[in-house]
Amino acid sequence: MYDNENIFAKILRNQIPCDIVYEDEHSLFFNDIHPQAKIHVLGIPKDPCIDFSDFIINYDENKISNFFKSIDLVITKLKIRDKGYRLITNSGINGGQEVPHFHIHILAGEK
């Protein structure tokens, strides 16, 4: 069951501030407060989904497509396409997921 009190839910409700990189009606991308690379952006859908599987199984194709297209827009905005980047998502306890809201890490700027 989705936890409405997780940090990303609070960010989406504007209860916790974030440094926004990109936002549209379906998604929010912001700089990670504990970056693991020179560029470390988190991307979250604005829907209450726990992990990747929850998002893919329970949301319509339009929302899924828009979210992944937004990732590409952020990659373009950050100008990291040519030099490279990593996309990471963690799922569940054994997958290292710390916040129970589906999110993507975009890391770049160094090896």
PDB file of N, CA and C in Angstrom:
ATOM      1  N   MET A   1       0.826  -1.183   0.000  1.00  0.00           N
ATOM      2  CA  MET A   1       0.000   0.000   0.000  1.00  0.00           C
ATOM      3  C   MET A   1       0.876   1.255   0.000  1.00  0.00           C
ATOM      4  N   TYR A   2       0.461   2.255  -0.750  1.00  0.00           N
ATOM      5  CA  TYR A   2       1.229   3.485  -0.886  1.00  0.00           C
ATOM      6  C   TYR A   2       1.221   4.287   0.419  1.00  0.00           C
ATOM      7  N   ASP A   3       2.393   4.802   0.795  1.00  0.00           N
ATOM      8  CA  ASP A   3       2.556   5.608   1.999  1.00  0.00           C
ATOM      9  C   ASP A   3       2.490   7.092   1.621  1.00  0.00           C
ATOM     10  N   ASN A   4       1.374   7.751   1.928  1.00  0.00           N
ATOM     11  CA  ASN A   4       1.194   9.164   1.601  1.00  0.00           C
ATOM     12  C   ASN A   4       2.098  10.095   2.397  1.00  0.00           C
ATOM     13  N   GLU A   5       2.832   9.555   3.347  1.00  0.00           N
ATOM     14  CA  GLU A   5       3.731  10.376   4.161  1.00  0.00           C
ATOM     15  C   GLU A   5       5.196  10.234   3.749  1.00  0.00           C
ATOM     16  N   ASN A   6       5.470   9.533   2.634  1.00  0.00           N
ATOM     17  CA  ASN A   6       6.870   9.429   2.205  1.00  0.00           C
ATOM     18  C   ASN A   6       7.351  10.787   1.715  1.00  0.00           C
ATOM     19  N   ILE A   7       8.657  10.973   1.681  1.00  0.00           N
ATOM     20  CA  ILE A   7       9.235  12.279   1.370  1.00  0.00           C
ATOM     21  C   ILE A   7       8.830  12.791  -0.016  1.00  0.00           C
ATOM     22  N   PHE A   8       8.702  11.901  -1.002  1.00  0.00           N
ATOM     23  CA  PHE A   8       8.336  12.366  -2.342  1.00  0.00           C
ATOM     24  C   PHE A   8       6.877  12.807  -2.390  1.00  0.00           C
ATOM     25  N   ALA A   9       6.006  12.139  -1.648  1.00  0.00           N
ATOM     26  CA  ALA A   9       4.613  12.574  -1.559  1.00  0.00           C
ATOM     27  C   ALA A   9       4.545  13.963  -0.933  1.00  0.00           C
ATOM     28  N   LYS A  10       5.368  14.204   0.074  1.00  0.00           N
ATOM     29  CA  LYS A  10       5.407  15.519   0.719  1.00  0.00           C
ATOM     30  C   LYS A  10       5.963  16.577  -0.225  1.00  0.00           C
ATOM     31  N   ILE A  11       6.959  16.216  -1.015  1.00  0.00           N
ATOM     32  CA  ILE A  11       7.483  17.150  -2.021  1.00  0.00           C
ATOM     33  C   ILE A  11       6.400  17.490  -3.031  1.00  0.00           C
ATOM     34  N   LEU A  12       5.659  16.486  -3.496  1.00  0.00           N
ATOM     35  CA  LEU A  12       4.590  16.731  -4.468  1.00  0.00           C
ATOM     36  C   LEU A  12       3.486  17.621  -3.891  1.00  0.00           C
ATOM     37  N   ARG A  13       3.274  17.568  -2.573  1.00  0.00           N
ATOM     38  CA  ARG A  13       2.265  18.415  -1.919  1.00  0.00           C
ATOM     39  C   ARG A  13       2.847  19.764  -1.490  1.00  0.00           C
ATOM     40  N   ASN A  14       4.107  20.034  -1.875  1.00  0.00           N
ATOM     41  CA  ASN A  14       4.799  21.283  -1.524  1.00  0.00           C
ATOM     42  C   ASN A  14       4.978  21.457  -0.019  1.00  0.00           C
ATOM     43  N   GLN A  15       5.041  20.354   0.712  1.00  0.00           N
ATOM     44  CA  GLN A  15       5.303  20.411   2.148  1.00  0.00           C
ATOM     45  C   GLN A  15       6.801  20.426   2.426  1.00  0.00           C
ATOM     46  N   ILE A  16       7.569  19.956   1.451  1.00  0.00           N
ATOM     47  CA  ILE A  16       9.029  19.962   1.532  1.00  0.00           C
ATOM     48  C   ILE A  16       9.525  20.582   0.232  1.00  0.00           C
ATOM     49  N   PRO A  17      10.422  21.571   0.318  1.00  0.00           N
ATOM     50  CA  PRO A  17      10.912  22.210  -0.911  1.00  0.00           C
ATOM     51  C   PRO A  17      11.898  21.317  -1.664  1.00  0.00           C
ATOM     52  N   CYS A  18      12.036  21.595  -2.947  1.00  0.00           N
ATOM     53  CA  CYS A  18      13.040  20.906  -3.748  1.00  0.00           C
ATOM     54  C   CYS A  18      13.566  21.878  -4.810  1.00  0.00           C
ATOM     55  N   ASP A  19      14.713  21.547  -5.363  1.00  0.00           N
ATOM     56  CA  ASP A  19      15.345  22.343  -6.412  1.00  0.00           C
ATOM     57  C   ASP A  19      14.908  21.753  -7.753  1.00  0.00           C
ATOM     58  N   ILE A  20      13.858  22.313  -8.320  1.00  0.00           N
ATOM     59  CA  ILE A  20      13.232  21.763  -9.524  1.00  0.00           C
ATOM     60  C   ILE A  20      14.104  21.956 -10.757  1.00  0.00           C
ATOM     61  N   VAL A  21      14.266  20.866 -11.500  1.00  0.00           N
ATOM     62  CA  VAL A  21      14.970  20.877 -12.779  1.00  0.00           C
ATOM     63  C   VAL A  21      13.955  20.944 -13.920  1.00  0.00           C
ATOM     64  N   TYR A  22      12.858  20.206 -13.767  1.00  0.00           N
ATOM     65  CA  TYR A  22      11.808  20.158 -14.788  1.00  0.00           C
ATOM     66  C   TYR A  22      10.522  19.679 -14.129  1.00  0.00           C
ATOM     67  N   GLU A  23       9.407  20.246 -14.584  1.00  0.00           N
ATOM     68  CA  GLU A  23       8.111  19.804 -14.078  1.00  0.00           C
ATOM     69  C   GLU A  23       7.070  19.951 -15.180  1.00  0.00           C
ATOM     70  N   ASP A  24       6.174  18.985 -15.244  1.00  0.00           N
ATOM     71  CA  ASP A  24       5.005  19.078 -16.110  1.00  0.00           C
ATOM     72  C   ASP A  24       3.825  18.478 -15.354  1.00  0.00           C
ATOM     73  N   GLU A  25       2.703  18.296 -16.014  1.00  0.00           N
ATOM     74  CA  GLU A  25       1.512  17.817 -15.309  1.00  0.00           C
ATOM     75  C   GLU A  25       1.633  16.383 -14.807  1.00  0.00           C
ATOM     76  N   HIS A  26       2.578  15.601 -15.370  1.00  0.00           N
ATOM     77  CA  HIS A  26       2.712  14.186 -15.020  1.00  0.00           C
ATOM     78  C   HIS A  26       3.921  13.857 -14.155  1.00  0.00           C
ATOM     79  N   SER A  27       4.928  14.742 -14.148  1.00  0.00           N
ATOM     80  CA  SER A  27       6.181  14.380 -13.483  1.00  0.00           C
ATOM     81  C   SER A  27       6.889  15.587 -12.881  1.00  0.00           C
ATOM     82  N   LEU A  28       7.817  15.277 -11.974  1.00  0.00           N
ATOM     83  CA  LEU A  28       8.640  16.283 -11.324  1.00  0.00           C
ATOM     84  C   LEU A  28      10.070  15.755 -11.277  1.00  0.00           C
ATOM     85  N   PHE A  29      11.021  16.581 -11.682  1.00  0.00           N
ATOM     86  CA  PHE A  29      12.439  16.242 -11.646  1.00  0.00           C
ATOM     87  C   PHE A  29      13.152  17.308 -10.821  1.00  0.00           C
ATOM     88  N   PHE A  30      13.994  16.866  -9.902  1.00  0.00           N
ATOM     89  CA  PHE A  30      14.667  17.808  -9.010  1.00  0.00           C
ATOM     90  C   PHE A  30      16.041  17.267  -8.631  1.00  0.00           C
ATOM     91  N   ASN A  31      16.921  18.174  -8.220  1.00  0.00           N
ATOM     92  CA  ASN A  31      18.269  17.786  -7.819  1.00  0.00           C
ATOM     93  C   ASN A  31      18.226  17.019  -6.504  1.00  0.00           C
ATOM     94  N   ASP A  32      19.000  15.937  -6.451  1.00  0.00           N
ATOM     95  CA  ASP A  32      19.090  15.117  -5.245  1.00  0.00           C
ATOM     96  C   ASP A  32      19.832  15.903  -4.170  1.00  0.00           C
ATOM     97  N   ILE A  33      19.348  15.852  -2.931  1.00  0.00           N
ATOM     98  CA  ILE A  33      20.012  16.590  -1.848  1.00  0.00           C
ATOM     99  C   ILE A  33      21.287  15.898  -1.365  1.00  0.00           C
ATOM    100  N   HIS A  34      21.471  14.634  -1.751  1.00  0.00           N
ATOM    101  CA  HIS A  34      22.691  13.899  -1.430  1.00  0.00           C
ATOM    102  C   HIS A  34      23.249  13.306  -2.727  1.00  0.00           C
ATOM    103  N   PRO A  35      23.785  14.161  -3.610  1.00  0.00           N
ATOM    104  CA  PRO A  35      24.199  13.684  -4.944  1.00  0.00           C
ATOM    105  C   PRO A  35      25.314  12.644  -4.890  1.00  0.00           C
ATOM    106  N   GLN A  36      25.183  11.657  -5.769  1.00  0.00           N
ATOM    107  CA  GLN A  36      26.184  10.600  -5.911  1.00  0.00           C
ATOM    108  C   GLN A  36      27.063  10.827  -7.138  1.00  0.00           C
ATOM    109  N   ALA A  37      26.842  11.932  -7.842  1.00  0.00           N
ATOM    110  CA  ALA A  37      27.631  12.315  -9.012  1.00  0.00           C
ATOM    111  C   ALA A  37      27.500  13.827  -9.161  1.00  0.00           C
ATOM    112  N   LYS A  38      28.289  14.417 -10.069  1.00  0.00           N
ATOM    113  CA  LYS A  38      28.219  15.868 -10.278  1.00  0.00           C
ATOM    114  C   LYS A  38      26.812  16.298 -10.652  1.00  0.00           C
ATOM    115  N   ILE A  39      26.148  15.495 -11.458  1.00  0.00           N
ATOM    116  CA  ILE A  39      24.742  15.709 -11.790  1.00  0.00           C
ATOM    117  C   ILE A  39      23.970  14.520 -11.247  1.00  0.00           C
ATOM    118  N   HIS A  40      23.015  14.801 -10.392  1.00  0.00           N
ATOM    119  CA  HIS A  40      22.181  13.732  -9.817  1.00  0.00           C
ATOM    120  C   HIS A  40      20.769  14.287  -9.663  1.00  0.00           C
ATOM    121  N   VAL A  41      19.919  13.901 -10.588  1.00  0.00           N
ATOM    122  CA  VAL A  41      18.539  14.368 -10.615  1.00  0.00           C
ATOM    123  C   VAL A  41      17.614  13.196 -10.342  1.00  0.00           C
ATOM    124  N   LEU A  42      16.597  13.442  -9.537  1.00  0.00           N
ATOM    125  CA  LEU A  42      15.553  12.451  -9.275  1.00  0.00           C
ATOM    126  C   LEU A  42      14.324  12.825 -10.084  1.00  0.00           C
ATOM    127  N   GLY A  43      13.696  11.821 -10.687  1.00  0.00           N
ATOM    128  CA  GLY A  43      12.462  12.032 -11.427  1.00  0.00           C
ATOM    129  C   GLY A  43      11.373  11.165 -10.850  1.00  0.00           C
ATOM    130  N   ILE A  44      10.224  11.781 -10.572  1.00  0.00           N
ATOM    131  CA  ILE A  44       9.108  11.036  -9.998  1.00  0.00           C
ATOM    132  C   ILE A  44       7.816  11.327 -10.763  1.00  0.00           C
ATOM    133  N   PRO A  45       7.010  10.298 -10.973  1.00  0.00           N
ATOM    134  CA  PRO A  45       5.669  10.553 -11.493  1.00  0.00           C
ATOM    135  C   PRO A  45       4.835  11.228 -10.400  1.00  0.00           C
ATOM    136  N   LYS A  46       3.862  11.996 -10.791  1.00  0.00           N
ATOM    137  CA  LYS A  46       2.997  12.659  -9.813  1.00  0.00           C
ATOM    138  C   LYS A  46       1.864  11.755  -9.331  1.00  0.00           C
ATOM    139  N   ASP A  47       1.940  10.495  -9.680  1.00  0.00           N
ATOM    140  CA  ASP A  47       0.943   9.513  -9.253  1.00  0.00           C
ATOM    141  C   ASP A  47       1.477   8.726  -8.061  1.00  0.00           C
ATOM    142  N   PRO A  48       0.593   8.258  -7.175  1.00  0.00           N
ATOM    143  CA  PRO A  48       1.017   7.505  -6.000  1.00  0.00           C
ATOM    144  C   PRO A  48       1.368   6.055  -6.335  1.00  0.00           C
ATOM    145  N   CYS A  49       2.557   5.855  -6.856  1.00  0.00           N
ATOM    146  CA  CYS A  49       3.004   4.506  -7.230  1.00  0.00           C
ATOM    147  C   CYS A  49       4.232   4.141  -6.413  1.00  0.00           C
ATOM    148  N   ILE A  50       4.272   2.919  -5.954  1.00  0.00           N
ATOM    149  CA  ILE A  50       5.310   2.472  -5.031  1.00  0.00           C
ATOM    150  C   ILE A  50       6.644   2.212  -5.710  1.00  0.00           C
ATOM    151  N   ASP A  51       6.615   1.520  -6.841  1.00  0.00           N
ATOM    152  CA  ASP A  51       7.854   1.152  -7.514  1.00  0.00           C
ATOM    153  C   ASP A  51       7.597   1.006  -9.013  1.00  0.00           C
ATOM    154  N   PHE A  52       8.623   0.601  -9.747  1.00  0.00           N
ATOM    155  CA  PHE A  52       8.523   0.469 -11.201  1.00  0.00           C
ATOM    156  C   PHE A  52       7.362  -0.433 -11.601  1.00  0.00           C
ATOM    157  N   SER A  53       7.262  -1.603 -10.996  1.00  0.00           N
ATOM    158  CA  SER A  53       6.201  -2.546 -11.358  1.00  0.00           C
ATOM    159  C   SER A  53       4.819  -1.972 -11.094  1.00  0.00           C
ATOM    160  N   ASP A  54       4.655  -1.319  -9.965  1.00  0.00           N
ATOM    161  CA  ASP A  54       3.377  -0.689  -9.647  1.00  0.00           C
ATOM    162  C   ASP A  54       3.017   0.339 -10.727  1.00  0.00           C
ATOM    163  N   PHE A  55       3.989   1.149 -11.128  1.00  0.00           N
ATOM    164  CA  PHE A  55       3.756   2.174 -12.154  1.00  0.00           C
ATOM    165  C   PHE A  55       3.387   1.548 -13.494  1.00  0.00           C
ATOM    166  N   ILE A  56       4.146   0.562 -13.932  1.00  0.00           N
ATOM    167  CA  ILE A  56       3.926  -0.063 -15.242  1.00  0.00           C
ATOM    168  C   ILE A  56       2.619  -0.855 -15.287  1.00  0.00           C
ATOM    169  N   ILE A  57       2.295  -1.547 -14.219  1.00  0.00           N
ATOM    170  CA  ILE A  57       1.104  -2.408 -14.197  1.00  0.00           C
ATOM    171  C   ILE A  57      -0.183  -1.615 -13.987  1.00  0.00           C
ATOM    172  N   ASN A  58      -0.134  -0.589 -13.141  1.00  0.00           N
ATOM    173  CA  ASN A  58      -1.375   0.050 -12.701  1.00  0.00           C
ATOM    174  C   ASN A  58      -1.701   1.407 -13.325  1.00  0.00           C
ATOM    175  N   TYR A  59      -0.835   1.911 -14.184  1.00  0.00           N
ATOM    176  CA  TYR A  59      -1.103   3.207 -14.791  1.00  0.00           C
ATOM    177  C   TYR A  59      -1.197   3.073 -16.298  1.00  0.00           C
ATOM    178  N   ASP A  60      -1.942   3.988 -16.899  1.00  0.00           N
ATOM    179  CA  ASP A  60      -2.199   3.877 -18.332  1.00  0.00           C
ATOM    180  C   ASP A  60      -0.961   4.215 -19.166  1.00  0.00           C
ATOM    181  N   GLU A  61      -0.985   3.736 -20.383  1.00  0.00           N
ATOM    182  CA  GLU A  61       0.156   3.881 -21.288  1.00  0.00           C
ATOM    183  C   GLU A  61       0.528   5.335 -21.520  1.00  0.00           C
ATOM    184  N   ASN A  62      -0.444   6.228 -21.521  1.00  0.00           N
ATOM    185  CA  ASN A  62      -0.168   7.643 -21.737  1.00  0.00           C
ATOM    186  C   ASN A  62       0.692   8.211 -20.609  1.00  0.00           C
ATOM    187  N   LYS A  63       0.344   7.901 -19.361  1.00  0.00           N
ATOM    188  CA  LYS A  63       1.132   8.388 -18.221  1.00  0.00           C
ATOM    189  C   LYS A  63       2.538   7.792 -18.234  1.00  0.00           C
ATOM    190  N   ILE A  64       2.627   6.519 -18.538  1.00  0.00           N
ATOM    191  CA  ILE A  64       3.928   5.851 -18.579  1.00  0.00           C
ATOM    192  C   ILE A  64       4.796   6.467 -19.673  1.00  0.00           C
ATOM    193  N   SER A  65       4.241   6.603 -20.861  1.00  0.00           N
ATOM    194  CA  SER A  65       4.972   7.181 -21.982  1.00  0.00           C
ATOM    195  C   SER A  65       5.407   8.614 -21.682  1.00  0.00           C
ATOM    196  N   ASN A  66       4.500   9.407 -21.135  1.00  0.00           N
ATOM    197  CA  ASN A  66       4.841  10.801 -20.815  1.00  0.00           C
ATOM    198  C   ASN A  66       5.975  10.893 -19.807  1.00  0.00           C
ATOM    199  N   PHE A  67       5.956   9.998 -18.816  1.00  0.00           N
ATOM    200  CA  PHE A  67       7.027  10.030 -17.812  1.00  0.00           C
ATOM    201  C   PHE A  67       8.381   9.728 -18.449  1.00  0.00           C
ATOM    202  N   PHE A  68       8.440   8.678 -19.257  1.00  0.00           N
ATOM    203  CA  PHE A  68       9.719   8.324 -19.857  1.00  0.00           C
ATOM    204  C   PHE A  68      10.166   9.337 -20.905  1.00  0.00           C
ATOM    205  N   LYS A  69       9.246   9.974 -21.597  1.00  0.00           N
ATOM    206  CA  LYS A  69       9.612  11.061 -22.515  1.00  0.00           C
ATOM    207  C   LYS A  69      10.140  12.264 -21.737  1.00  0.00           C
ATOM    208  N   SER A  70       9.599  12.489 -20.546  1.00  0.00           N
ATOM    209  CA  SER A  70      10.099  13.574 -19.696  1.00  0.00           C
ATOM    210  C   SER A  70      11.539  13.331 -19.273  1.00  0.00           C
ATOM    211  N   ILE A  71      11.890  12.078 -19.033  1.00  0.00           N
ATOM    212  CA  ILE A  71      13.282  11.756 -18.708  1.00  0.00           C
ATOM    213  C   ILE A  71      14.178  12.219 -19.844  1.00  0.00           C
ATOM    214  N   ASP A  72      13.770  11.942 -21.070  1.00  0.00           N
ATOM    215  CA  ASP A  72      14.563  12.357 -22.224  1.00  0.00           C
ATOM    216  C   ASP A  72      14.640  13.879 -22.329  1.00  0.00           C
ATOM    217  N   LEU A  73      13.567  14.583 -22.016  1.00  0.00           N
ATOM    218  CA  LEU A  73      13.591  16.053 -22.014  1.00  0.00           C
ATOM    219  C   LEU A  73      14.604  16.579 -20.997  1.00  0.00           C
ATOM    220  N   VAL A  74      14.656  15.956 -19.835  1.00  0.00           N
ATOM    221  CA  VAL A  74      15.603  16.373 -18.801  1.00  0.00           C
ATOM    222  C   VAL A  74      17.036  16.106 -19.261  1.00  0.00           C
ATOM    223  N   ILE A  75      17.266  14.964 -19.878  1.00  0.00           N
ATOM    224  CA  ILE A  75      18.594  14.647 -20.416  1.00  0.00           C
ATOM    225  C   ILE A  75      19.024  15.718 -21.410  1.00  0.00           C
ATOM    226  N   THR A  76      18.108  16.144 -22.253  1.00  0.00           N
ATOM    227  CA  THR A  76      18.394  17.206 -23.214  1.00  0.00           C
ATOM    228  C   THR A  76      18.660  18.523 -22.487  1.00  0.00           C
ATOM    229  N   LYS A  77      17.821  18.860 -21.540  1.00  0.00           N
ATOM    230  CA  LYS A  77      17.975  20.113 -20.794  1.00  0.00           C
ATOM    231  C   LYS A  77      19.313  20.171 -20.057  1.00  0.00           C
ATOM    232  N   LEU A  78      19.746  19.042 -19.516  1.00  0.00           N
ATOM    233  CA  LEU A  78      21.012  18.987 -18.781  1.00  0.00           C
ATOM    234  C   LEU A  78      22.236  18.913 -19.698  1.00  0.00           C
ATOM    235  N   LYS A  79      21.999  18.713 -20.990  1.00  0.00           N
ATOM    236  CA  LYS A  79      23.070  18.621 -21.999  1.00  0.00           C
ATOM    237  C   LYS A  79      24.047  17.494 -21.675  1.00  0.00           C
ATOM    238  N   ILE A  80      23.489  16.321 -21.344  1.00  0.00           N
ATOM    239  CA  ILE A  80      24.339  15.183 -20.970  1.00  0.00           C
ATOM    240  C   ILE A  80      24.241  14.030 -21.969  1.00  0.00           C
ATOM    241  N   ARG A  81      23.444  14.196 -23.003  1.00  0.00           N
ATOM    242  CA  ARG A  81      23.236  13.116 -23.967  1.00  0.00           C
ATOM    243  C   ARG A  81      24.553  12.657 -24.603  1.00  0.00           C
ATOM    244  N   ASP A  82      25.369  13.574 -25.062  1.00  0.00           N
ATOM    245  CA  ASP A  82      26.580  13.206 -25.799  1.00  0.00           C
ATOM    246  C   ASP A  82      27.666  12.578 -24.929  1.00  0.00           C
ATOM    247  N   LYS A  83      27.827  13.046 -23.710  1.00  0.00           N
ATOM    248  CA  LYS A  83      28.890  12.519 -22.849  1.00  0.00           C
ATOM    249  C   LYS A  83      28.464  11.303 -22.049  1.00  0.00           C
ATOM    250  N   GLY A  84      27.141  11.098 -21.922  1.00  0.00           N
ATOM    251  CA  GLY A  84      26.645   9.904 -21.249  1.00  0.00           C
ATOM    252  C   GLY A  84      26.029  10.166 -19.888  1.00  0.00           C
ATOM    253  N   TYR A  85      25.259   9.210 -19.449  1.00  0.00           N
ATOM    254  CA  TYR A  85      24.531   9.295 -18.190  1.00  0.00           C
ATOM    255  C   TYR A  85      24.097   7.897 -17.778  1.00  0.00           C
ATOM    256  N   ARG A  86      23.644   7.787 -16.526  1.00  0.00           N
ATOM    257  CA  ARG A  86      23.086   6.536 -16.012  1.00  0.00           C
ATOM    258  C   ARG A  86      21.662   6.785 -15.552  1.00  0.00           C
ATOM    259  N   LEU A  87      20.799   5.834 -15.837  1.00  0.00           N
ATOM    260  CA  LEU A  87      19.441   5.843 -15.298  1.00  0.00           C
ATOM    261  C   LEU A  87      19.339   4.675 -14.331  1.00  0.00           C
ATOM    262  N   ILE A  88      18.889   4.954 -13.119  1.00  0.00           N
ATOM    263  CA  ILE A  88      18.798   3.916 -12.094  1.00  0.00           C
ATOM    264  C   ILE A  88      17.439   4.010 -11.418  1.00  0.00           C
ATOM    265  N   THR A  89      16.841   2.854 -11.187  1.00  0.00           N
ATOM    266  CA  THR A  89      15.678   2.787 -10.312  1.00  0.00           C
ATOM    267  C   THR A  89      15.854   1.579  -9.405  1.00  0.00           C
ATOM    268  N   ASN A  90      15.525   1.753  -8.159  1.00  0.00           N
ATOM    269  CA  ASN A  90      15.616   0.672  -7.185  1.00  0.00           C
ATOM    270  C   ASN A  90      14.202   0.234  -6.828  1.00  0.00           C
ATOM    271  N   SER A  91      14.044  -1.047  -6.559  1.00  0.00           N
ATOM    272  CA  SER A  91      12.717  -1.556  -6.244  1.00  0.00           C
ATOM    273  C   SER A  91      12.783  -2.502  -5.056  1.00  0.00           C
ATOM    274  N   GLY A  92      12.048  -2.178  -4.016  1.00  0.00           N
ATOM    275  CA  GLY A  92      11.963  -3.041  -2.843  1.00  0.00           C
ATOM    276  C   GLY A  92      13.192  -3.002  -1.959  1.00  0.00           C
ATOM    277  N   ILE A  93      13.080  -3.665  -0.834  1.00  0.00           N
ATOM    278  CA  ILE A  93      14.158  -3.699   0.154  1.00  0.00           C
ATOM    279  C   ILE A  93      15.437  -4.289  -0.430  1.00  0.00           C
ATOM    280  N   ASN A  94      15.327  -5.423  -1.097  1.00  0.00           N
ATOM    281  CA  ASN A  94      16.520  -6.072  -1.653  1.00  0.00           C
ATOM    282  C   ASN A  94      17.088  -5.318  -2.857  1.00  0.00           C
ATOM    283  N   GLY A  95      16.285  -4.450  -3.450  1.00  0.00           N
ATOM    284  CA  GLY A  95      16.753  -3.632  -4.569  1.00  0.00           C
ATOM    285  C   GLY A  95      17.327  -2.298  -4.133  1.00  0.00           C
ATOM    286  N   GLY A  96      17.341  -2.044  -2.839  1.00  0.00           N
ATOM    287  CA  GLY A  96      17.932  -0.812  -2.318  1.00  0.00           C
ATOM    288  C   GLY A  96      17.003   0.397  -2.351  1.00  0.00           C
ATOM    289  N   GLN A  97      15.707   0.184  -2.528  1.00  0.00           N
ATOM    290  CA  GLN A  97      14.772   1.310  -2.564  1.00  0.00           C
ATOM    291  C   GLN A  97      14.612   1.889  -1.167  1.00  0.00           C
ATOM    292  N   GLU A  98      14.864   3.189  -1.037  1.00  0.00           N
ATOM    293  CA  GLU A  98      14.756   3.848   0.261  1.00  0.00           C
ATOM    294  C   GLU A  98      13.451   4.610   0.434  1.00  0.00           C
ATOM    295  N   VAL A  99      12.909   5.130  -0.664  1.00  0.00           N
ATOM    296  CA  VAL A  99      11.645   5.874  -0.609  1.00  0.00           C
ATOM    297  C   VAL A  99      10.602   5.079  -1.384  1.00  0.00           C
ATOM    298  N   PRO A 100       9.470   4.746  -0.752  1.00  0.00           N
ATOM    299  CA  PRO A 100       8.466   3.917  -1.419  1.00  0.00           C
ATOM    300  C   PRO A 100       7.566   4.703  -2.383  1.00  0.00           C
ATOM    301  N   HIS A 101       8.205   5.379  -3.313  1.00  0.00           N
ATOM    302  CA  HIS A 101       7.527   6.072  -4.421  1.00  0.00           C
ATOM    303  C   HIS A 101       8.438   5.859  -5.622  1.00  0.00           C
ATOM    304  N   PHE A 102       7.891   5.322  -6.723  1.00  0.00           N
ATOM    305  CA  PHE A 102       8.707   5.053  -7.906  1.00  0.00           C
ATOM    306  C   PHE A 102       9.476   6.309  -8.306  1.00  0.00           C
ATOM    307  N   HIS A 103      10.769   6.138  -8.518  1.00  0.00           N
ATOM    308  CA  HIS A 103      11.602   7.248  -8.947  1.00  0.00           C
ATOM    309  C   HIS A 103      12.784   6.757  -9.767  1.00  0.00           C
ATOM    310  N   ILE A 104      13.264   7.653 -10.585  1.00  0.00           N
ATOM    311  CA  ILE A 104      14.419   7.409 -11.460  1.00  0.00           C
ATOM    312  C   ILE A 104      15.541   8.345 -11.019  1.00  0.00           C
ATOM    313  N   HIS A 105      16.747   7.813 -10.936  1.00  0.00           N
ATOM    314  CA  HIS A 105      17.937   8.638 -10.719  1.00  0.00           C
ATOM    315  C   HIS A 105      18.600   8.852 -12.082  1.00  0.00           C
ATOM    316  N   ILE A 106      18.923  10.088 -12.388  1.00  0.00           N
ATOM    317  CA  ILE A 106      19.717  10.417 -13.569  1.00  0.00           C
ATOM    318  C   ILE A 106      21.058  10.923 -13.036  1.00  0.00           C
ATOM    319  N   LEU A 107      22.126  10.166 -13.349  1.00  0.00           N
ATOM    320  CA  LEU A 107      23.463  10.536 -12.885  1.00  0.00           C
ATOM    321  C   LEU A 107      24.365  10.804 -14.082  1.00  0.00           C
ATOM    322  N   ALA A 108      25.173  11.853 -13.964  1.00  0.00           N
ATOM    323  CA  ALA A 108      26.056  12.220 -15.072  1.00  0.00           C
ATOM    324  C   ALA A 108      27.149  13.152 -14.563  1.00  0.00           C
ATOM    325  N   GLY A 109      28.025  13.531 -15.475  1.00  0.00           N
ATOM    326  CA  GLY A 109      29.048  14.509 -15.160  1.00  0.00           C
ATOM    327  C   GLY A 109      30.381  13.918 -14.753  1.00  0.00           C
ATOM    328  N   GLU A 110      30.422  12.609 -14.529  1.00  0.00           N
ATOM    329  CA  GLU A 110      31.671  11.939 -14.167  1.00  0.00           C
ATOM    330  C   GLU A 110      31.453  10.433 -14.299  1.00  0.00           C
ATOM    331  N   LYS A 111      32.570   9.697 -14.333  1.00  0.00           N
ATOM    332  CA  LYS A 111      32.477   8.234 -14.417  1.00  0.00           C
ATOM    333  C   LYS A 111      32.106   7.667 -13.085  1.00  0.00           C
TER     334      LYS A 111
END
